[in-house]
N, C-alpha and C. Protein backbone atom coordinates (compact mmCIF):
# COMPACT_ATOMS: atom_id res chain seq x y z
N MET A 1 34.43 24.31 -60.72
CA MET A 1 33.25 23.60 -60.29
C MET A 1 33.54 22.10 -60.18
N LYS A 2 34.19 21.55 -61.25
CA LYS A 2 34.52 20.13 -61.22
C LYS A 2 35.57 19.84 -60.17
N MET A 3 36.49 20.75 -60.00
CA MET A 3 37.54 20.57 -59.00
C MET A 3 36.95 20.57 -57.59
N SER A 4 35.95 21.39 -57.39
CA SER A 4 35.31 21.49 -56.10
C SER A 4 34.59 20.18 -55.74
N LYS A 5 33.89 19.57 -56.71
CA LYS A 5 33.19 18.31 -56.47
C LYS A 5 34.19 17.18 -56.23
N LYS A 6 35.27 17.21 -57.00
CA LYS A 6 36.28 16.18 -56.85
C LYS A 6 36.97 16.31 -55.49
N LEU A 7 37.26 17.51 -55.08
CA LEU A 7 37.88 17.75 -53.78
C LEU A 7 36.95 17.35 -52.64
N LYS A 8 35.68 17.64 -52.84
CA LYS A 8 34.69 17.30 -51.84
C LYS A 8 34.57 15.78 -51.69
N SER A 9 34.53 15.05 -52.80
CA SER A 9 34.42 13.60 -52.74
C SER A 9 35.70 12.97 -52.17
N MET A 10 36.86 13.53 -52.53
CA MET A 10 38.12 13.02 -51.97
C MET A 10 38.17 13.27 -50.46
N THR A 11 37.67 14.41 -50.02
CA THR A 11 37.64 14.71 -48.59
C THR A 11 36.73 13.74 -47.84
N LYS A 12 35.58 13.41 -48.43
CA LYS A 12 34.67 12.44 -47.81
C LYS A 12 35.32 11.07 -47.71
N ILE A 13 36.00 10.66 -48.77
CA ILE A 13 36.67 9.35 -48.76
C ILE A 13 37.78 9.33 -47.71
N ALA A 14 38.55 10.39 -47.65
CA ALA A 14 39.64 10.47 -46.67
C ALA A 14 39.08 10.49 -45.24
N ALA A 15 38.01 11.24 -45.02
CA ALA A 15 37.41 11.29 -43.69
C ALA A 15 36.83 9.94 -43.29
N GLY A 16 36.21 9.27 -44.23
CA GLY A 16 35.66 7.94 -43.95
C GLY A 16 36.75 6.93 -43.65
N SER A 17 37.82 6.99 -44.40
CA SER A 17 38.95 6.07 -44.17
C SER A 17 39.60 6.34 -42.82
N LEU A 18 39.80 7.61 -42.51
CA LEU A 18 40.43 7.96 -41.24
C LEU A 18 39.55 7.56 -40.06
N SER A 19 38.25 7.80 -40.14
CA SER A 19 37.37 7.42 -39.04
C SER A 19 37.30 5.91 -38.90
N GLY A 20 37.29 5.19 -40.01
CA GLY A 20 37.31 3.73 -39.95
C GLY A 20 38.59 3.20 -39.32
N LEU A 21 39.71 3.82 -39.65
CA LEU A 21 40.98 3.42 -39.06
C LEU A 21 41.02 3.69 -37.56
N LEU A 22 40.52 4.84 -37.16
CA LEU A 22 40.52 5.18 -35.74
C LEU A 22 39.56 4.31 -34.94
N LEU A 23 38.42 3.98 -35.52
CA LEU A 23 37.47 3.12 -34.83
C LEU A 23 37.94 1.67 -34.76
N ALA A 24 38.72 1.25 -35.74
CA ALA A 24 39.21 -0.12 -35.75
C ALA A 24 40.20 -0.37 -34.62
N THR A 25 40.90 0.66 -34.18
CA THR A 25 41.84 0.46 -33.08
C THR A 25 41.12 0.20 -31.77
N SER A 26 39.89 0.68 -31.62
CA SER A 26 39.16 0.43 -30.37
C SER A 26 38.64 -1.00 -30.29
N VAL A 27 38.61 -1.70 -31.42
CA VAL A 27 38.18 -3.11 -31.40
C VAL A 27 39.17 -3.95 -30.62
N TYR A 28 40.42 -3.61 -30.68
CA TYR A 28 41.45 -4.37 -30.00
C TYR A 28 41.77 -3.82 -28.62
N ALA A 29 40.92 -2.98 -28.08
CA ALA A 29 41.15 -2.40 -26.76
C ALA A 29 41.04 -3.49 -25.70
N GLU A 30 41.82 -3.36 -24.68
CA GLU A 30 41.83 -4.35 -23.60
C GLU A 30 40.98 -3.83 -22.43
N ASP A 31 40.11 -4.68 -21.93
CA ASP A 31 39.27 -4.31 -20.80
C ASP A 31 40.06 -4.58 -19.52
N LYS A 32 40.38 -3.54 -18.82
CA LYS A 32 41.20 -3.68 -17.62
C LYS A 32 40.44 -4.33 -16.47
N LEU A 33 39.12 -4.20 -16.45
CA LEU A 33 38.33 -4.75 -15.35
C LEU A 33 37.84 -6.17 -15.61
N SER A 34 38.10 -6.72 -16.78
CA SER A 34 37.58 -8.04 -17.10
C SER A 34 38.17 -9.12 -16.20
N GLY A 35 39.42 -9.00 -15.82
CA GLY A 35 40.03 -10.00 -14.96
C GLY A 35 39.83 -9.74 -13.48
N ALA A 36 39.31 -8.57 -13.14
CA ALA A 36 39.16 -8.22 -11.72
C ALA A 36 38.12 -9.07 -11.03
N MET A 37 37.05 -9.42 -11.72
CA MET A 37 35.98 -10.19 -11.12
C MET A 37 36.17 -11.70 -11.27
N GLY A 38 37.17 -12.11 -12.02
CA GLY A 38 37.38 -13.54 -12.28
C GLY A 38 37.56 -14.35 -11.03
N GLY A 39 38.38 -13.88 -10.11
CA GLY A 39 38.61 -14.62 -8.87
C GLY A 39 37.37 -14.67 -8.00
N ASP A 40 36.61 -13.59 -7.94
CA ASP A 40 35.39 -13.57 -7.13
C ASP A 40 34.34 -14.54 -7.67
N VAL A 41 34.17 -14.55 -8.98
CA VAL A 41 33.21 -15.47 -9.58
C VAL A 41 33.66 -16.91 -9.38
N GLN A 42 34.94 -17.16 -9.51
CA GLN A 42 35.47 -18.51 -9.30
C GLN A 42 35.25 -18.95 -7.86
N ASP A 43 35.45 -18.06 -6.91
CA ASP A 43 35.24 -18.40 -5.51
C ASP A 43 33.76 -18.64 -5.21
N MET A 44 32.90 -17.89 -5.87
CA MET A 44 31.47 -17.99 -5.59
C MET A 44 30.82 -19.18 -6.28
N LEU A 45 31.19 -19.47 -7.52
CA LEU A 45 30.54 -20.52 -8.29
C LEU A 45 31.47 -21.65 -8.70
N GLY A 46 32.69 -21.65 -8.24
CA GLY A 46 33.65 -22.69 -8.61
C GLY A 46 33.32 -24.04 -8.03
N GLY A 47 34.15 -25.02 -8.31
CA GLY A 47 33.89 -26.39 -7.88
C GLY A 47 33.84 -26.59 -6.39
N SER A 48 34.62 -25.85 -5.64
CA SER A 48 34.64 -26.03 -4.19
C SER A 48 33.80 -24.99 -3.46
N ALA A 49 32.92 -24.33 -4.15
CA ALA A 49 32.12 -23.27 -3.55
C ALA A 49 30.97 -23.84 -2.73
N THR A 50 30.58 -23.11 -1.72
CA THR A 50 29.47 -23.52 -0.86
C THR A 50 28.16 -23.47 -1.64
N PHE A 51 28.07 -22.63 -2.65
CA PHE A 51 26.85 -22.51 -3.44
C PHE A 51 26.41 -23.86 -3.99
N TRP A 52 27.34 -24.65 -4.54
CA TRP A 52 26.97 -25.93 -5.14
C TRP A 52 26.51 -26.92 -4.08
N LYS A 53 27.13 -26.88 -2.92
CA LYS A 53 26.72 -27.80 -1.84
C LYS A 53 25.29 -27.49 -1.40
N VAL A 54 25.01 -26.23 -1.20
CA VAL A 54 23.66 -25.82 -0.80
C VAL A 54 22.67 -26.09 -1.92
N PHE A 55 23.06 -25.82 -3.15
CA PHE A 55 22.19 -26.06 -4.30
C PHE A 55 21.80 -27.53 -4.40
N ILE A 56 22.75 -28.42 -4.24
CA ILE A 56 22.48 -29.86 -4.34
C ILE A 56 21.58 -30.32 -3.21
N ILE A 57 21.84 -29.85 -2.00
CA ILE A 57 21.01 -30.25 -0.86
C ILE A 57 19.56 -29.77 -1.04
N VAL A 58 19.40 -28.52 -1.43
CA VAL A 58 18.04 -27.99 -1.65
C VAL A 58 17.35 -28.74 -2.79
N ASP A 59 18.08 -29.06 -3.82
CA ASP A 59 17.51 -29.80 -4.94
C ASP A 59 17.05 -31.18 -4.51
N ILE A 60 17.83 -31.88 -3.73
CA ILE A 60 17.44 -33.21 -3.27
C ILE A 60 16.21 -33.14 -2.39
N VAL A 61 16.15 -32.16 -1.50
CA VAL A 61 14.98 -32.00 -0.62
C VAL A 61 13.73 -31.70 -1.44
N LEU A 62 13.83 -30.77 -2.40
CA LEU A 62 12.67 -30.45 -3.23
C LEU A 62 12.23 -31.62 -4.10
N ALA A 63 13.19 -32.36 -4.65
CA ALA A 63 12.85 -33.52 -5.46
C ALA A 63 12.17 -34.59 -4.62
N ALA A 64 12.65 -34.80 -3.40
CA ALA A 64 12.03 -35.79 -2.52
C ALA A 64 10.62 -35.35 -2.13
N ALA A 65 10.43 -34.07 -1.85
CA ALA A 65 9.11 -33.56 -1.48
C ALA A 65 8.13 -33.73 -2.64
N MET A 66 8.58 -33.45 -3.84
CA MET A 66 7.71 -33.62 -5.01
C MET A 66 7.38 -35.10 -5.24
N ALA A 67 8.34 -35.98 -5.03
CA ALA A 67 8.09 -37.41 -5.21
C ALA A 67 7.09 -37.92 -4.18
N VAL A 68 7.18 -37.44 -2.94
CA VAL A 68 6.24 -37.86 -1.90
C VAL A 68 4.85 -37.30 -2.19
N LYS A 69 4.79 -36.06 -2.60
CA LYS A 69 3.49 -35.41 -2.86
C LYS A 69 2.75 -36.07 -4.03
N THR A 70 3.46 -36.37 -5.09
CA THR A 70 2.80 -36.95 -6.26
C THR A 70 2.74 -38.47 -6.22
N LYS A 71 3.47 -39.09 -5.31
CA LYS A 71 3.54 -40.56 -5.18
C LYS A 71 4.04 -41.21 -6.47
N ASN A 72 4.92 -40.50 -7.14
CA ASN A 72 5.49 -40.99 -8.38
C ASN A 72 7.02 -40.86 -8.28
N PRO A 73 7.73 -41.97 -8.22
CA PRO A 73 9.19 -41.89 -8.05
C PRO A 73 9.92 -41.27 -9.25
N MET A 74 9.29 -41.26 -10.42
CA MET A 74 9.94 -40.65 -11.58
C MET A 74 10.04 -39.14 -11.45
N VAL A 75 9.17 -38.55 -10.63
CA VAL A 75 9.24 -37.11 -10.40
C VAL A 75 10.56 -36.77 -9.72
N PHE A 76 11.02 -37.62 -8.82
CA PHE A 76 12.30 -37.40 -8.15
C PHE A 76 13.42 -37.33 -9.17
N ALA A 77 13.44 -38.30 -10.07
CA ALA A 77 14.50 -38.33 -11.09
C ALA A 77 14.39 -37.12 -12.02
N GLY A 78 13.17 -36.73 -12.38
CA GLY A 78 12.99 -35.60 -13.28
C GLY A 78 13.42 -34.29 -12.67
N VAL A 79 12.96 -34.02 -11.44
CA VAL A 79 13.33 -32.76 -10.78
C VAL A 79 14.82 -32.74 -10.49
N PHE A 80 15.35 -33.87 -10.06
CA PHE A 80 16.78 -33.96 -9.76
C PHE A 80 17.62 -33.69 -11.01
N SER A 81 17.24 -34.28 -12.13
CA SER A 81 18.05 -34.11 -13.34
C SER A 81 17.86 -32.72 -13.96
N ILE A 82 16.65 -32.17 -13.89
CA ILE A 82 16.42 -30.84 -14.46
C ILE A 82 17.23 -29.79 -13.72
N ALA A 83 17.41 -29.96 -12.43
CA ALA A 83 18.16 -28.98 -11.66
C ALA A 83 19.66 -29.22 -11.71
N LEU A 84 20.09 -30.46 -11.76
CA LEU A 84 21.52 -30.74 -11.66
C LEU A 84 22.26 -30.76 -13.00
N ILE A 85 21.60 -31.15 -14.07
CA ILE A 85 22.30 -31.21 -15.36
C ILE A 85 22.83 -29.83 -15.78
N PRO A 86 22.03 -28.76 -15.71
CA PRO A 86 22.61 -27.44 -16.03
C PRO A 86 23.73 -27.04 -15.07
N GLY A 87 23.61 -27.42 -13.80
CA GLY A 87 24.67 -27.11 -12.84
C GLY A 87 25.97 -27.81 -13.19
N PHE A 88 25.88 -29.09 -13.55
CA PHE A 88 27.08 -29.82 -13.92
C PHE A 88 27.68 -29.29 -15.22
N LEU A 89 26.82 -28.93 -16.19
CA LEU A 89 27.33 -28.38 -17.45
C LEU A 89 28.01 -27.03 -17.21
N LEU A 90 27.40 -26.22 -16.37
CA LEU A 90 28.00 -24.92 -16.05
C LEU A 90 29.35 -25.10 -15.38
N GLN A 91 29.41 -26.02 -14.46
CA GLN A 91 30.65 -26.25 -13.74
C GLN A 91 31.73 -26.87 -14.66
N ALA A 92 31.31 -27.72 -15.57
CA ALA A 92 32.28 -28.38 -16.44
C ALA A 92 32.82 -27.45 -17.53
N PHE A 93 31.95 -26.65 -18.14
CA PHE A 93 32.38 -25.85 -19.27
C PHE A 93 32.80 -24.43 -18.92
N VAL A 94 32.32 -23.90 -17.82
CA VAL A 94 32.68 -22.53 -17.46
C VAL A 94 33.83 -22.51 -16.49
N PHE A 95 33.80 -23.40 -15.52
CA PHE A 95 34.85 -23.42 -14.51
C PHE A 95 35.66 -24.67 -14.69
């Protein structure tokens, strides 16, 4: 009876250790597709991408329209900075 409980507990410990060991190897698995999209994202959102040129032009037009509508020149600076600061940070730290 005691041998059976001891064997059962040893089996549980061994099974837990083995499953932990097998699962730990998947932590270091390499994602084969992670680098596949890198070039596409760089081309689409990188420094020389058309997206940033269009984004800046649209931002300037919207900021100017808001400044004219509200007759407050600070609105231009606010809209311009709210839209461009995240863009510059994204471009500086990601790309």
